[in-house]
Amino acid sequence: ARAEPSAGHYRLDAVRAHLLERAGEREAARAAYRAAADGTLSEPEARYLRARAERLGP
């Protein structure tokens, strides 16, 4: 868990999540999408990233 979201850092998590998803690493991708959602200050973006995580399963 991050104490303070740093500008742009969540994008690294989002890209990592996308690449992990493409590689078939669903659990790791889900965690990375959630980390990205936690790191953004944009609520619409956070909702999108959480939705991506949710579609990968529980």
Protein backbone atom coordinates (compact mmCIF):
# COMPACT_ATOMS: atom_id res chain seq x y z
CA ALA A 1 0.00 0.00 0.00
CA ARG A 2 1.24 3.42 -0.90
CA ALA A 3 1.08 6.30 1.56
CA GLU A 4 0.80 8.93 -1.18
CA PRO A 5 -0.03 8.34 -4.84
CA SER A 6 2.76 9.68 -7.00
CA ALA A 7 1.83 11.31 -10.30
CA GLY A 8 2.11 8.86 -13.15
CA HIS A 9 3.35 5.93 -11.05
CA TYR A 10 0.01 4.13 -11.28
CA ARG A 11 0.48 4.03 -15.04
CA LEU A 12 3.41 1.67 -14.58
CA ASP A 13 1.14 -0.66 -12.62
CA ALA A 14 -1.51 -0.40 -15.36
CA VAL A 15 0.98 -1.27 -18.10
CA ARG A 16 2.38 -4.11 -15.99
CA ALA A 17 -1.16 -5.41 -15.48
CA HIS A 18 -1.89 -5.31 -19.20
CA LEU A 19 1.30 -7.19 -20.05
CA LEU A 20 0.72 -9.76 -17.32
CA GLU A 21 -2.82 -10.28 -18.57
CA ARG A 22 -1.57 -10.86 -22.12
CA ALA A 23 0.98 -13.35 -20.77
CA GLY A 24 -1.79 -15.30 -19.04
CA GLU A 25 -0.74 -14.30 -15.53
CA ARG A 26 -4.28 -13.50 -14.39
CA GLU A 27 -3.67 -13.34 -10.62
CA ALA A 28 -0.64 -11.05 -10.96
CA ALA A 29 -2.48 -8.91 -13.52
CA ARG A 30 -5.45 -8.56 -11.18
CA ALA A 31 -3.16 -7.38 -8.38
CA ALA A 32 -1.42 -4.90 -10.67
CA TYR A 33 -4.76 -3.49 -11.91
CA ARG A 34 -5.84 -3.02 -8.30
CA ALA A 35 -2.56 -1.31 -7.45
CA ALA A 36 -3.03 1.01 -10.42
CA ALA A 37 -6.59 1.79 -9.31
CA ASP A 38 -5.34 2.59 -5.81
CA GLY A 39 -2.66 4.87 -7.23
CA THR A 40 -4.74 7.13 -9.45
CA LEU A 41 -6.51 10.24 -8.21
CA SER A 42 -9.07 9.99 -11.04
CA GLU A 43 -12.21 8.20 -9.88
CA PRO A 44 -13.35 7.29 -13.43
CA GLU A 45 -9.92 5.83 -14.16
CA ALA A 46 -9.93 3.94 -10.86
CA ARG A 47 -13.36 2.47 -11.70
CA TYR A 48 -12.07 1.36 -15.11
CA LEU A 49 -8.98 -0.28 -13.61
CA ARG A 50 -11.03 -2.02 -10.89
CA ALA A 51 -13.39 -3.32 -13.58
CA ARG A 52 -10.43 -4.73 -15.50
CA ALA A 53 -9.27 -6.47 -12.32
CA GLU A 54 -12.74 -7.85 -11.60
CA ARG A 55 -13.18 -9.37 -15.04
CA LEU A 56 -10.08 -11.48 -14.39
CA GLY A 57 -11.88 -13.28 -11.56
CA PRO A 58 -11.94 -13.31 -7.76
